[in-house]
Amino acid sequence: MEFSERQARIVEIVKSSSPITGEQIAAKLDLTRATLRPDLTILTMAGILDARPRVGYFLKEQKESSPIMEQLRLLRVGDFKSLPISVRENISIYDAIVTMFTQNVGTLTVVGENQNLKGMVSRKDLLKSALGKTDLQQVPVSIIMTRMPNIIMTTADEPILDAARKLTLHQIDSLPVVEAFIDEKGEERYEVIGRFTKTNVAKIFVQIGTLGKR
C-alpha cells in the first residue's frame, strides 16, 4: 500500500510510541484530531494499525491486508463509473450553469468532436464567474475551464483505490474516465466514456458494508 507523507509519519510515530492515542498523535504532528481521523481510519482498515478503546493505537505485527482492502483492490473504475455529463467548449457559461444544476453534478466535462476531452469546469469555476462582471450568456465556458493537459483523469481498468486517492490528493469531486486514441494527426487524445466521483466512492463503501451484514 502506498502511503501519503502524513500517513507514513503516523506509522512511524505509532511504531516508536505505541500505545498512543489519536490526540497524542495529533499533538506530535501539530494537527487536530479531526484532521487526522481519515488517515487513522484508512491505516486501521488497511490492517496497518490496530485501535483499542481507551488505550490507543498499535502497529499490527502481521502486515496482512484487511478483507475490506482486499476487496477494494479487486474493484475497477469501469465497474462503478457513472455516465459522463459533458458540454461543448462553445457553450455559454450561463448554459453550463443550467446544465450543472439540472443534472445535479458538481463538475462538467468539456468535450470536442468524438467526445474528445478538452477540459473540465467545476462549480467553483462557475461561481467565480457568476460573482464577477462576466456576461454569462456571451462568454463561452472554454474561457474559464481547466484545460488539457492539466486534468486529472482515470481509466476503466484503474483500481478504485487509486482513483479515490487521486480525488483526495487533488481535492477534486470528479475524474473523467477516458480511453486513449490516436487522432488523424497522430496525436494522442482521450475519449470521455464516464466519470468517477466521490459519490461513486461512497456508494461502493455502502455496498461493501451491506454485503458484509448478510
Protein backbone atom coordinates (compact mmCIF):
# COMPACT_ATOMS: atom_id res chain seq x y z
CA MET A 1 0.00 0.00 0.00
CA GLU A 2 1.32 3.45 -0.91
CA PHE A 3 1.11 5.90 2.00
CA SER A 4 0.75 9.64 1.85
CA GLU A 5 3.54 11.57 3.59
CA ARG A 6 1.31 12.21 6.60
CA GLN A 7 0.22 8.58 6.86
CA ALA A 8 3.86 7.48 6.77
CA ARG A 9 4.63 9.87 9.63
CA ILE A 10 1.70 8.49 11.63
CA VAL A 11 3.00 4.95 11.19
CA GLU A 12 6.46 5.99 12.39
CA ILE A 13 5.01 7.75 15.44
CA VAL A 14 2.91 4.72 16.40
CA LYS A 15 5.85 2.41 15.78
CA SER A 16 8.05 4.33 18.20
CA SER A 17 5.47 5.35 20.82
CA SER A 18 2.67 2.78 20.96
CA PRO A 19 0.28 2.60 22.58
CA ILE A 20 -0.56 6.16 21.67
CA THR A 21 -3.90 7.93 21.42
CA GLY A 22 -5.19 9.86 18.44
CA GLU A 23 -4.94 13.07 20.42
CA GLN A 24 -1.27 12.39 21.20
CA ILE A 25 -0.51 11.66 17.55
CA ALA A 26 -2.26 14.87 16.54
CA ALA A 27 -0.20 16.84 19.09
CA LYS A 28 3.06 15.42 17.71
CA LEU A 29 2.04 16.49 14.21
CA ASP A 30 0.64 19.83 15.39
CA LEU A 31 -2.74 18.96 13.85
CA THR A 32 -6.26 18.50 15.17
CA ARG A 33 -7.72 15.07 15.91
CA ALA A 34 -10.44 15.71 13.32
CA THR A 35 -7.82 16.34 10.63
CA LEU A 36 -6.12 13.02 11.35
CA ARG A 37 -9.30 10.94 11.60
CA PRO A 38 -9.46 9.96 7.87
CA ASP A 39 -5.80 8.89 7.87
CA LEU A 40 -6.20 6.83 11.05
CA THR A 41 -9.31 5.18 9.61
CA ILE A 42 -7.53 4.26 6.39
CA LEU A 43 -4.50 2.85 8.22
CA THR A 44 -6.75 0.82 10.50
CA MET A 45 -8.87 -0.52 7.63
CA ALA A 46 -5.70 -1.43 5.75
CA GLY A 47 -4.55 -3.56 8.67
CA ILE A 48 -1.51 -1.40 9.40
CA LEU A 49 -2.71 -0.10 12.76
CA ASP A 50 -4.80 -1.64 15.49
CA ALA A 51 -7.01 0.57 17.66
CA ARG A 52 -8.09 -0.34 21.19
CA PRO A 53 -10.69 1.74 23.07
CA ARG A 54 -9.28 3.84 25.94
CA VAL A 55 -5.78 2.54 25.15
CA GLY A 56 -4.69 3.85 21.78
CA TYR A 57 -3.12 2.77 18.51
CA PHE A 58 -0.67 -0.09 17.98
CA LEU A 59 1.31 -1.18 14.96
CA LYS A 60 -0.02 -4.56 13.86
CA GLU A 61 2.60 -7.28 13.86
CA GLN A 62 1.10 -9.00 10.85
CA LYS A 63 1.03 -6.83 7.75
CA GLU A 64 -1.73 -8.76 6.06
CA SER A 65 -4.37 -6.59 4.45
CA SER A 66 -7.86 -6.48 5.88
CA PRO A 67 -10.68 -8.24 3.95
CA ILE A 68 -12.14 -4.86 3.01
CA MET A 69 -8.87 -3.67 1.49
CA GLU A 70 -8.51 -6.94 -0.43
CA GLN A 71 -11.98 -6.42 -1.90
CA LEU A 72 -11.21 -2.84 -2.85
CA ARG A 73 -8.00 -3.84 -4.66
CA LEU A 74 -10.02 -6.12 -6.94
CA LEU A 75 -12.54 -3.47 -7.96
CA ARG A 76 -12.06 -1.36 -11.07
CA VAL A 77 -13.33 2.07 -12.02
CA GLY A 78 -15.15 0.73 -15.07
CA ASP A 79 -17.46 -1.35 -12.88
CA PHE A 80 -18.71 1.67 -10.94
CA LYS A 81 -18.33 4.70 -13.21
CA SER A 82 -21.30 6.94 -13.95
CA LEU A 83 -22.38 8.31 -17.31
CA PRO A 84 -20.41 11.40 -18.35
CA ILE A 85 -22.10 14.79 -18.10
CA SER A 86 -20.46 16.73 -20.92
CA VAL A 87 -20.83 20.07 -22.68
CA ARG A 88 -19.16 21.55 -25.75
CA GLU A 89 -16.49 24.20 -25.31
CA ASN A 90 -18.52 26.84 -27.19
CA ILE A 91 -21.46 26.62 -24.78
CA SER A 92 -22.02 29.77 -22.72
CA ILE A 93 -21.17 29.92 -19.04
CA TYR A 94 -24.87 30.53 -18.36
CA ASP A 95 -25.88 27.33 -20.17
CA ALA A 96 -23.14 25.43 -18.34
CA ILE A 97 -24.59 26.59 -15.01
CA VAL A 98 -28.05 25.45 -16.09
CA THR A 99 -26.67 22.06 -17.15
CA MET A 100 -24.83 21.60 -13.87
CA PHE A 101 -27.91 22.26 -11.78
CA THR A 102 -30.38 20.30 -13.93
CA GLN A 103 -28.02 17.31 -13.96
CA ASN A 104 -27.25 17.74 -10.23
CA VAL A 105 -23.47 17.41 -10.61
CA GLY A 106 -20.52 19.38 -9.28
CA THR A 107 -18.27 19.15 -12.33
CA LEU A 108 -18.82 19.18 -16.10
CA THR A 109 -16.58 17.59 -18.71
CA VAL A 110 -15.90 19.80 -21.73
CA VAL A 111 -15.53 17.82 -24.96
CA GLY A 112 -14.94 18.33 -28.64
CA GLU A 113 -15.74 16.01 -31.53
CA ASN A 114 -15.95 12.28 -30.77
CA GLN A 115 -16.15 13.06 -27.03
CA ASN A 116 -12.54 14.23 -27.17
CA LEU A 117 -11.62 15.60 -23.73
CA LYS A 118 -10.91 19.33 -23.86
CA GLY A 119 -11.31 20.49 -20.30
CA MET A 120 -13.19 20.43 -17.00
CA VAL A 121 -15.28 23.09 -15.31
CA SER A 122 -16.27 22.92 -11.65
CA ARG A 123 -18.99 24.51 -9.56
CA LYS A 124 -16.30 26.76 -8.10
CA ASP A 125 -15.26 27.96 -11.58
CA LEU A 126 -18.85 28.86 -12.45
CA LEU A 127 -19.44 30.56 -9.11
CA LYS A 128 -16.40 32.79 -9.60
CA SER A 129 -17.72 33.84 -12.99
CA ALA A 130 -21.21 34.49 -11.66
CA LEU A 131 -19.85 36.73 -8.89
CA GLY A 132 -17.84 38.84 -11.31
CA LYS A 133 -18.88 41.16 -14.12
CA THR A 134 -18.74 38.45 -16.78
CA ASP A 135 -21.62 38.37 -19.28
CA LEU A 136 -22.58 34.77 -18.58
CA GLN A 137 -24.69 34.40 -21.72
CA GLN A 138 -21.97 35.66 -24.07
CA VAL A 139 -18.74 34.19 -22.72
CA PRO A 140 -18.01 30.53 -23.66
CA VAL A 141 -17.20 28.04 -20.96
CA SER A 142 -13.83 27.41 -22.63
CA ILE A 143 -12.61 30.71 -21.17
CA ILE A 144 -12.87 29.50 -17.57
CA MET A 145 -12.33 25.73 -17.88
CA THR A 146 -9.24 23.84 -16.78
CA ARG A 147 -7.57 22.68 -19.99
CA MET A 148 -5.60 19.67 -21.03
CA PRO A 149 -3.00 18.60 -20.02
CA ASN A 150 -3.82 19.93 -16.53
CA ILE A 151 -6.66 17.47 -15.96
CA ILE A 152 -6.53 14.54 -13.55
CA MET A 153 -8.02 11.50 -15.28
CA THR A 154 -8.70 7.83 -14.69
CA THR A 155 -9.32 4.80 -16.88
CA ALA A 156 -11.85 1.99 -16.73
CA ASP A 157 -9.23 -0.57 -15.66
CA GLU A 158 -7.67 1.54 -12.89
CA PRO A 159 -8.25 0.20 -9.34
CA ILE A 160 -10.84 2.26 -7.48
CA LEU A 161 -8.36 2.75 -4.64
CA ASP A 162 -6.00 4.58 -6.99
CA ALA A 163 -8.82 6.69 -8.42
CA ALA A 164 -10.13 7.53 -4.94
CA ARG A 165 -6.59 8.54 -3.92
CA LYS A 166 -6.50 10.99 -6.86
CA LEU A 167 -9.78 12.55 -5.73
CA THR A 168 -8.43 13.01 -2.22
CA LEU A 169 -4.90 14.10 -3.14
CA HIS A 170 -6.03 16.74 -5.63
CA GLN A 171 -9.12 17.76 -3.63
CA ILE A 172 -11.49 17.39 -6.57
CA ASP A 173 -15.00 15.98 -6.85
CA SER A 174 -14.83 14.11 -10.15
CA LEU A 175 -12.45 12.34 -12.54
CA PRO A 176 -13.23 11.88 -16.23
CA VAL A 177 -12.97 8.22 -17.21
CA VAL A 178 -11.17 8.09 -20.55
CA GLU A 179 -9.91 5.84 -23.31
CA ALA A 180 -6.80 6.95 -25.19
CA PHE A 181 -6.82 7.05 -29.00
CA ILE A 182 -4.66 8.45 -31.79
CA ASP A 183 -6.21 11.15 -33.97
CA GLU A 184 -5.71 11.74 -37.67
CA LYS A 185 -2.61 13.84 -36.93
CA GLY A 186 -1.01 11.01 -34.99
CA GLU A 187 -1.51 12.75 -31.62
CA GLU A 188 -2.82 11.04 -28.51
CA ARG A 189 -6.29 12.12 -27.45
CA TYR A 190 -8.73 10.96 -24.80
CA GLU A 191 -12.33 9.93 -25.37
CA VAL A 192 -14.58 10.52 -22.36
CA ILE A 193 -16.51 7.33 -21.53
CA GLY A 194 -17.67 8.12 -17.99
CA ARG A 195 -16.99 9.89 -14.72
CA PHE A 196 -15.82 8.65 -11.33
CA THR A 197 -16.83 10.79 -8.37
CA LYS A 198 -16.78 10.97 -4.58
CA THR A 199 -20.40 9.82 -4.74
CA ASN A 200 -19.29 6.66 -6.53
CA VAL A 201 -16.76 6.01 -3.77
CA ALA A 202 -19.43 6.45 -1.09
CA LYS A 203 -21.78 4.05 -2.89
CA ILE A 204 -19.03 1.42 -3.12
CA PHE A 205 -18.45 1.52 0.64
CA VAL A 206 -22.18 1.30 1.29
CA GLN A 207 -22.43 -1.77 -0.97
CA ILE A 208 -19.48 -3.48 0.70
CA GLY A 209 -20.87 -2.68 4.15
CA THR A 210 -24.31 -4.01 3.19
CA LEU A 211 -22.89 -7.25 1.81
CA GLY A 212 -20.85 -7.68 4.97
CA LYS A 213 -24.03 -7.78 7.06
CA ARG A 214 -25.63 -10.60 5.08
